[in-house]
């Protein structure tokens, strides 16, 4: 689909000519506002906000003093490569590194058009290129305000905003479907595991091997080059192991032999997590994979297929992580949360017969199929959305 845009009537402007940086300063404790938004509450690549902090209940830093209102556009100026732009539906407070933006004049720029202008890859490319600092890069208002772009006439802004918001609403509906399916799946798993018949067996005794990961040496320096699994394998709530984007590292032949991931292996996160995301995520290997190994912050669990179906153990561990069980086995050192794997897998769980495990997994498969269907539609929608953004605003430069 092409919009066949005639851009000859579009006017080249800078952001500061059409956008106001709102700096409405308030005190969090006396403002009577209930919610605040930190960087972790604002998602990457989505305008919708589904998480927030509660003033008076959750820790809030002293630099949180900027009031925002429904419909304002929030842009997180720190670590711009994360592409965080959002439009809140409620009033609240955010930190000094999040810009609160609104149109200067609705006769020049429509407020509902602004979030898409700042979601375009061309804008993100500019923001990343003009960020300062290396460890924690940030963008100043002055550099943001100098951003130049071609602004359509008002009637065309309205037409494009209507189209893009329709896509956003559809994306939100699909996300809602995913959340609903996952919630039902978790209830099903909780009920199934609670009522599961069978003997209590330690998790470690359900595995033939529990193997630590290694980081290895730079590519080509040792005997074997393999893919080293990073934290991205757990991204977006993944359940199956994907090696896409994993770096190549070099290890000895002996190190590789015991660690190469096989079909049915479970990769347990040993180190990582955050205040909002507990450590202990898992993914399971399925089918043939490129040669890959777990890294230092992971453990490889190899289920004993004579007593447990690998997917049964995987779903039990994933359910426990979602239910917050891993928090009881986590220790925080500086900003890193580590899982006490030894204690975590020393606990016992009910292990039904293989036939009962297979029956349960059949029910789980129906949930997985539904999630795959929705994920496929969302992926296609994202591709279409990006193509429209590039046509309207231009791609990365």
Protein backbone atom coordinates (compact mmCIF):
# COMPACT_ATOMS: atom_id res chain seq x y z
CA UNK A 1 0.00 0.00 0.00
CA UNK A 2 1.27 3.46 -0.91
CA UNK A 3 -0.19 6.77 0.26
CA UNK A 4 1.01 8.54 -2.94
CA UNK A 5 1.83 11.66 -0.97
CA UNK A 6 2.37 14.97 -2.75
CA UNK A 7 4.96 16.68 -0.51
CA UNK A 8 5.37 19.78 -2.65
CA UNK A 9 3.03 21.66 -0.29
CA UNK A 10 4.78 20.50 2.87
CA UNK A 11 6.70 23.16 4.77
CA UNK A 12 10.19 22.66 6.19
CA UNK A 13 10.23 23.69 9.89
CA UNK A 14 12.22 23.05 13.04
CA UNK A 15 10.64 21.42 16.06
CA UNK A 16 10.94 24.55 18.20
CA UNK A 17 8.85 26.50 15.66
CA UNK A 18 5.82 24.28 16.24
CA UNK A 19 6.33 22.48 19.59
CA UNK A 20 6.42 23.73 23.20
CA UNK A 21 8.58 22.09 25.86
CA UNK A 22 6.22 22.08 28.87
CA UNK A 23 8.02 22.67 32.20
CA UNK A 24 5.13 22.78 34.67
CA UNK A 25 7.01 22.19 37.92
CA UNK A 26 5.21 20.63 40.91
CA UNK A 27 6.13 18.93 44.18
CA UNK A 28 5.28 15.23 44.10
CA UNK A 29 4.30 15.00 47.77
CA UNK A 30 1.94 18.01 47.80
CA UNK A 31 0.63 17.92 44.22
CA UNK A 32 -2.35 15.62 44.94
CA UNK A 33 -1.30 13.64 41.85
CA UNK A 34 -1.36 9.87 42.19
CA UNK A 35 0.91 8.54 39.45
CA UNK A 36 4.43 9.09 38.17
CA UNK A 37 6.26 7.81 35.11
CA UNK A 38 9.92 6.79 35.16
CA UNK A 39 11.82 5.58 32.12
CA UNK A 40 11.00 1.93 32.82
CA UNK A 41 7.28 2.70 32.70
CA UNK A 42 7.47 4.06 29.15
CA UNK A 43 7.74 1.25 26.57
CA UNK A 44 9.91 1.23 23.47
CA UNK A 45 8.11 1.38 20.15
CA UNK A 46 4.60 1.83 21.56
CA UNK A 47 2.63 4.95 22.41
CA UNK A 48 0.49 3.26 25.06
CA UNK A 49 1.35 3.33 28.77
CA UNK A 50 0.20 0.37 30.83
CA UNK A 51 2.50 0.70 33.84
CA UNK A 52 3.31 3.51 36.28
CA UNK A 53 4.54 4.27 39.77
CA UNK A 54 2.25 5.32 42.60
CA UNK A 55 3.27 8.45 44.50
CA UNK A 56 3.57 7.71 48.21
CA UNK A 57 3.89 3.98 47.65
CA UNK A 58 6.77 3.52 45.22
CA UNK A 59 10.25 5.08 45.48
CA UNK A 60 10.43 8.35 43.49
CA UNK A 61 13.58 10.37 42.89
CA UNK A 62 14.05 14.07 43.75
CA UNK A 63 14.29 15.00 40.05
CA UNK A 64 10.69 14.00 39.40
CA UNK A 65 8.87 17.33 39.28
CA UNK A 66 7.47 17.76 35.74
CA UNK A 67 3.71 17.59 35.49
CA UNK A 68 2.13 16.08 32.38
CA UNK A 69 -1.51 15.91 31.36
CA UNK A 70 -3.54 13.52 29.20
CA UNK A 71 -2.62 13.89 25.55
CA UNK A 72 0.82 15.35 26.15
CA UNK A 73 3.62 13.63 24.25
CA UNK A 74 6.40 12.26 26.48
CA UNK A 75 9.83 11.72 25.02
CA UNK A 76 12.57 10.02 27.07
CA UNK A 77 15.73 11.91 26.19
CA UNK A 78 18.16 9.57 27.98
CA UNK A 79 19.39 6.55 25.99
CA UNK A 80 17.54 7.70 22.90
CA UNK A 81 18.32 4.43 21.13
CA UNK A 82 15.51 2.91 23.21
CA UNK A 83 12.99 4.90 21.12
CA UNK A 84 10.63 5.79 23.96
CA UNK A 85 7.71 8.02 22.96
CA UNK A 86 4.32 7.80 24.69
CA UNK A 87 0.99 9.56 25.06
CA UNK A 88 -0.46 9.25 28.62
CA UNK A 89 -4.19 9.02 29.21
CA UNK A 90 -3.84 10.36 32.77
CA UNK A 91 -2.21 13.23 34.63
CA UNK A 92 0.99 12.69 36.57
CA UNK A 93 4.64 13.55 37.18
CA UNK A 94 7.75 12.54 35.31
CA UNK A 95 11.49 13.10 35.62
CA UNK A 96 13.64 15.90 34.29
CA UNK A 97 15.06 13.74 31.48
CA UNK A 98 11.64 13.13 29.97
CA UNK A 99 10.44 15.95 27.74
CA UNK A 100 6.76 16.89 28.02
CA UNK A 101 5.72 18.23 24.64
CA UNK A 102 2.66 19.92 23.13
CA UNK A 103 1.91 21.83 19.96
CA UNK A 104 2.51 25.57 20.01
CA UNK A 105 -0.45 26.23 17.75
CA UNK A 106 -3.12 23.79 16.58
CA UNK A 107 -3.32 25.84 13.39
CA UNK A 108 0.23 24.77 12.57
CA UNK A 109 0.64 21.33 14.09
CA UNK A 110 -2.06 18.99 15.37
CA UNK A 111 -1.34 17.50 18.78
CA UNK A 112 -2.48 14.07 17.57
CA UNK A 113 0.05 14.22 14.72
CA UNK A 114 3.02 15.01 17.00
CA UNK A 115 3.60 11.52 18.53
CA UNK A 116 4.04 9.98 15.07
CA UNK A 117 6.48 12.68 14.05
CA UNK A 118 8.62 11.66 17.05
CA UNK A 119 8.14 7.92 16.40
CA UNK A 120 9.62 8.02 12.91
CA UNK A 121 12.93 6.27 12.33
CA UNK A 122 14.27 9.46 10.76
CA UNK A 123 13.71 11.30 14.06
CA UNK A 124 15.25 8.50 16.14
CA UNK A 125 18.27 8.48 13.84
CA UNK A 126 18.69 12.23 14.44
CA UNK A 127 18.24 11.87 18.23
CA UNK A 128 20.83 9.09 18.49
CA UNK A 129 23.34 10.96 16.34
CA UNK A 130 23.01 14.14 18.46
CA UNK A 131 23.04 12.48 21.89
CA UNK A 132 25.86 13.34 24.27
CA UNK A 133 27.83 10.98 26.51
CA UNK A 134 28.86 7.40 25.94
CA UNK A 135 27.78 5.39 29.00
CA UNK A 136 24.35 6.95 29.44
CA UNK A 137 23.80 9.18 26.38
CA UNK A 138 21.19 11.92 26.48
CA UNK A 139 19.70 14.59 24.22
CA UNK A 140 19.36 18.23 25.26
CA UNK A 141 16.25 20.25 24.49
CA UNK A 142 18.34 22.58 22.31
CA UNK A 143 19.38 19.76 20.00
CA UNK A 144 15.89 18.30 19.98
CA UNK A 145 14.38 21.70 19.17
CA UNK A 146 16.70 22.08 16.18
CA UNK A 147 15.33 18.98 14.47
CA UNK A 148 14.12 19.84 10.95
CA UNK A 149 11.31 18.09 9.14
CA UNK A 150 8.67 18.62 6.48
CA UNK A 151 5.26 19.51 7.95
CA UNK A 152 2.12 18.61 5.95
CA UNK A 153 -0.87 20.98 5.68
CA UNK A 154 -3.42 20.63 8.48
CA UNK A 155 -5.97 18.63 6.51
CA UNK A 156 -3.30 16.12 5.52
CA UNK A 157 -2.00 15.94 9.11
CA UNK A 158 -5.53 15.04 10.18
CA UNK A 159 -5.88 12.36 7.52
CA UNK A 160 -2.53 10.79 8.35
CA UNK A 161 -3.07 11.02 12.12
CA UNK A 162 -6.45 9.28 11.78
CA UNK A 163 -4.83 6.45 9.82
CA UNK A 164 -1.86 6.05 12.18
CA UNK A 165 -4.00 6.19 15.33
CA UNK A 166 -6.26 3.49 13.86
CA UNK A 167 -3.17 1.29 13.51
CA UNK A 168 -2.12 2.13 17.07
CA UNK A 169 -5.54 1.17 18.41
CA UNK A 170 -5.38 -2.13 16.53
CA UNK A 171 -1.92 -2.80 17.97
CA UNK A 172 -3.26 -2.10 21.46
CA UNK A 173 -6.16 -4.50 20.84
CA UNK A 174 -3.74 -7.25 19.80
CA UNK A 175 -1.58 -6.57 22.86
CA UNK A 176 -4.72 -6.85 24.97
CA UNK A 177 -5.53 -10.21 23.39
CA UNK A 178 -2.02 -11.46 24.19
CA UNK A 179 -2.35 -10.32 27.81
CA UNK A 180 -5.75 -12.00 28.13
CA UNK A 181 -4.53 -15.32 26.69
CA UNK A 182 -1.41 -15.27 28.89
CA UNK A 183 -3.52 -14.55 31.98
CA UNK A 184 -5.82 -17.51 31.26
CA UNK A 185 -2.78 -19.70 30.57
CA UNK A 186 -1.25 -18.75 33.91
CA UNK A 187 -4.48 -19.57 35.76
CA UNK A 188 -4.63 -22.91 33.95
CA UNK A 189 -1.02 -23.69 34.87
CA UNK A 190 -1.49 -22.60 38.49
CA UNK A 191 -4.55 -24.84 38.88
CA UNK A 192 -2.86 -27.74 37.08
CA UNK A 193 0.38 -27.62 39.06
CA UNK A 194 -1.47 -27.14 42.36
CA UNK A 195 -3.58 -30.25 41.75
CA UNK A 196 -0.89 -32.30 40.01
CA UNK A 197 -0.69 -35.88 41.29
CA UNK A 198 2.60 -37.72 41.64
CA UNK A 199 5.63 -37.83 43.90
CA UNK A 200 7.54 -34.76 45.07
CA UNK A 201 10.92 -34.64 43.33
CA UNK A 202 13.71 -32.08 43.57
CA UNK A 203 14.13 -30.13 40.33
CA UNK A 204 17.85 -30.91 40.29
CA UNK A 205 16.96 -34.63 40.34
CA UNK A 206 14.79 -34.15 37.24
CA UNK A 207 17.88 -33.15 35.26
CA UNK A 208 20.70 -35.24 33.93
CA UNK A 209 22.92 -32.17 33.80
CA UNK A 210 23.02 -28.66 35.30
CA UNK A 211 25.78 -26.79 33.51
CA UNK A 212 27.21 -23.32 34.06
CA UNK A 213 27.78 -20.94 31.18
CA UNK A 214 30.97 -19.29 30.01
CA UNK A 215 31.73 -16.14 28.04
CA UNK A 216 34.74 -17.50 26.18
CA UNK A 217 37.26 -15.55 24.13
CA UNK A 218 36.96 -13.27 21.12
CA UNK A 219 36.03 -14.98 17.85
CA UNK A 220 38.82 -17.14 16.40
CA UNK A 221 41.06 -17.19 19.51
CA UNK A 222 40.20 -20.69 20.76
CA UNK A 223 39.34 -24.04 19.17
CA UNK A 224 35.63 -23.64 18.44
CA UNK A 225 33.52 -20.61 17.51
CA UNK A 226 29.95 -20.71 18.81
CA UNK A 227 27.07 -18.32 19.47
CA UNK A 228 26.99 -17.01 23.05
CA UNK A 229 23.45 -16.59 24.35
CA UNK A 230 22.77 -13.15 25.79
CA UNK A 231 19.86 -11.61 27.72
CA UNK A 232 18.06 -10.91 24.47
CA UNK A 233 16.96 -14.56 24.33
CA UNK A 234 14.40 -13.67 27.02
CA UNK A 235 13.19 -10.50 25.25
CA UNK A 236 9.50 -9.88 24.64
CA UNK A 237 8.48 -12.79 26.84
CA UNK A 238 10.03 -15.38 24.54
CA UNK A 239 9.41 -19.02 25.44
CA UNK A 240 11.43 -20.77 22.71
CA UNK A 241 15.14 -20.16 22.35
CA UNK A 242 16.16 -18.06 19.35
CA UNK A 243 19.81 -17.34 18.66
CA UNK A 244 19.24 -14.32 16.40
CA UNK A 245 21.70 -11.55 17.17
CA UNK A 246 23.83 -13.61 19.57
CA UNK A 247 27.53 -12.76 19.36
CA UNK A 248 30.16 -15.25 18.20
CA UNK A 249 32.64 -16.31 20.89
CA UNK A 250 35.45 -18.82 20.95
CA UNK A 251 35.86 -21.71 23.44
CA UNK A 252 37.84 -24.93 23.77
CA UNK A 253 36.49 -28.10 22.19
CA UNK A 254 35.96 -29.63 25.66
CA UNK A 255 34.04 -26.56 26.88
CA UNK A 256 31.82 -26.67 23.82
CA UNK A 257 31.09 -30.40 24.02
CA UNK A 258 29.36 -30.18 27.39
CA UNK A 259 27.60 -26.88 26.79
CA UNK A 260 26.26 -26.98 23.26
CA UNK A 261 22.51 -26.51 23.58
CA UNK A 262 20.33 -29.44 22.47
CA UNK A 263 16.66 -29.85 21.71
CA UNK A 264 14.74 -29.76 25.02
CA UNK A 265 17.44 -27.96 27.02
CA UNK A 266 16.23 -25.16 29.30
CA UNK A 267 18.27 -21.97 29.62
CA UNK A 268 17.76 -20.48 33.09
CA UNK A 269 18.65 -16.85 33.80
CA UNK A 270 21.01 -16.75 36.80
CA UNK A 271 21.86 -13.06 36.84
CA UNK A 272 19.84 -10.06 35.68
CA UNK A 273 16.39 -8.72 36.35
CA UNK A 274 15.26 -5.41 37.80
CA UNK A 275 12.87 -4.11 40.49
CA UNK A 276 9.95 -4.68 38.11
CA UNK A 277 11.26 -7.88 36.52
CA UNK A 278 12.51 -10.72 38.72
CA UNK A 279 15.50 -12.81 37.74
CA UNK A 280 14.92 -16.46 36.79
CA UNK A 281 13.47 -16.26 33.27
CA UNK A 282 13.64 -19.42 31.14
CA UNK A 283 13.53 -20.37 27.47
CA UNK A 284 13.52 -23.86 25.97
CA UNK A 285 15.44 -25.08 22.94
CA UNK A 286 13.32 -26.59 20.19
CA UNK A 287 14.52 -28.37 17.05
CA UNK A 288 17.84 -27.76 15.38
CA UNK A 289 19.81 -24.70 16.42
CA UNK A 290 23.03 -23.07 15.33
CA UNK A 291 25.84 -24.17 17.70
CA UNK A 292 25.31 -22.09 20.84
CA UNK A 293 26.23 -22.13 24.53
CA UNK A 294 24.91 -20.43 27.68
CA UNK A 295 26.97 -17.55 29.07
CA UNK A 296 28.12 -16.77 32.60
CA UNK A 297 24.80 -15.41 33.79
CA UNK A 298 22.87 -18.50 32.71
CA UNK A 299 22.53 -22.16 33.65
CA UNK A 300 21.72 -24.96 31.23
CA UNK A 301 19.23 -27.49 32.62
CA UNK A 302 19.01 -30.76 30.70
CA UNK A 303 15.81 -32.61 31.75
CA UNK A 304 15.90 -36.38 32.24
CA UNK A 305 13.32 -37.47 29.67
CA UNK A 306 12.74 -40.77 31.48
CA UNK A 307 10.98 -38.94 34.32
CA UNK A 308 9.96 -35.55 32.97
CA UNK A 309 8.96 -34.03 29.64
CA UNK A 310 11.28 -31.06 29.01
CA UNK A 311 8.29 -28.82 28.21
CA UNK A 312 6.58 -29.83 31.45
CA UNK A 313 9.60 -28.71 33.46
CA UNK A 314 9.96 -25.60 31.33
CA UNK A 315 6.36 -24.51 31.87
CA UNK A 316 6.65 -25.23 35.60
CA UNK A 317 9.74 -23.00 35.85
CA UNK A 318 8.21 -20.29 33.69
CA UNK A 319 5.02 -20.33 35.74
CA UNK A 320 7.06 -20.03 38.94
CA UNK A 321 8.94 -17.04 37.53
CA UNK A 322 5.69 -15.31 36.51
CA UNK A 323 4.22 -16.06 39.95
CA UNK A 324 7.24 -14.43 41.62
CA UNK A 325 8.65 -17.59 43.21
CA UNK A 326 12.16 -16.73 42.05
CA UNK A 327 12.15 -13.56 44.18
CA UNK A 328 12.58 -15.75 47.25
CA UNK A 329 15.82 -17.14 45.81
CA UNK A 330 17.28 -13.85 44.53
CA UNK A 331 20.03 -11.73 46.02
CA UNK A 332 20.89 -8.21 44.95
CA UNK A 333 24.48 -7.07 44.63
CA UNK A 334 24.84 -3.41 43.52
CA UNK A 335 22.41 -3.13 40.63
CA UNK A 336 22.47 -6.81 39.67
CA UNK A 337 20.07 -9.45 40.96
CA UNK A 338 21.44 -13.00 41.15
CA UNK A 339 19.44 -16.19 41.48
CA UNK A 340 20.68 -18.79 43.95
CA UNK A 341 20.38 -21.60 41.43
CA UNK A 342 21.53 -24.27 43.89
CA UNK A 343 18.72 -23.44 46.33
CA UNK A 344 16.17 -22.76 43.59
CA UNK A 345 16.51 -26.19 41.99
CA UNK A 346 16.82 -27.97 45.35
CA UNK A 347 13.09 -27.42 45.98
CA UNK A 348 10.67 -30.22 45.19
CA UNK A 349 7.72 -30.19 42.81
CA UNK A 350 4.97 -32.71 42.08
CA UNK A 351 5.81 -34.82 39.03
CA UNK A 352 2.83 -36.60 37.40
CA UNK A 353 3.20 -39.60 35.11
CA UNK A 354 4.53 -38.98 31.62
CA UNK A 355 0.99 -39.60 30.28
CA UNK A 356 -0.46 -36.92 32.56
CA UNK A 357 2.35 -34.52 31.65
CA UNK A 358 1.64 -35.09 27.94
CA UNK A 359 -2.06 -34.44 28.49
CA UNK A 360 -1.33 -31.14 30.25
CA UNK A 361 1.10 -30.11 27.50
CA UNK A 362 -1.59 -30.73 24.90
CA UNK A 363 -3.78 -28.15 26.62
CA UNK A 364 -0.84 -25.75 26.79
CA UNK A 365 -0.27 -26.15 23.05
CA UNK A 366 -3.73 -24.73 22.33
CA UNK A 367 -2.74 -21.57 24.24
CA UNK A 368 0.58 -21.41 22.40
CA UNK A 369 -1.18 -21.70 19.03
CA UNK A 370 -3.48 -18.81 19.92
CA UNK A 371 -0.54 -16.67 21.03
CA UNK A 372 1.37 -17.49 17.84
CA UNK A 373 -1.60 -16.45 15.71
CA UNK A 374 -1.93 -13.07 17.44
CA UNK A 375 1.83 -12.52 17.38
CA UNK A 376 1.88 -13.16 13.63
CA UNK A 377 -0.82 -10.58 12.99
CA UNK A 378 0.99 -8.08 15.21
CA UNK A 379 4.25 -8.66 13.36
CA UNK A 380 2.60 -8.01 10.01
CA UNK A 381 0.97 -4.89 11.40
CA UNK A 382 4.33 -3.60 12.66
CA UNK A 383 5.90 -4.07 9.22
CA UNK A 384 3.02 -2.18 7.60
CA UNK A 385 3.21 0.58 10.23
CA UNK A 386 6.96 1.05 9.71
CA UNK A 387 6.51 1.27 5.96
CA UNK A 388 3.91 4.03 6.38
CA UNK A 389 6.14 5.92 8.83
CA UNK A 390 9.03 5.77 6.38
CA UNK A 391 6.85 6.99 3.52
CA UNK A 392 5.44 9.88 5.54
CA UNK A 393 8.43 10.98 7.57
CA UNK A 394 11.39 9.34 5.85
CA UNK A 395 13.50 6.43 7.11
CA UNK A 396 16.78 6.44 8.96
CA UNK A 397 19.44 8.78 7.54
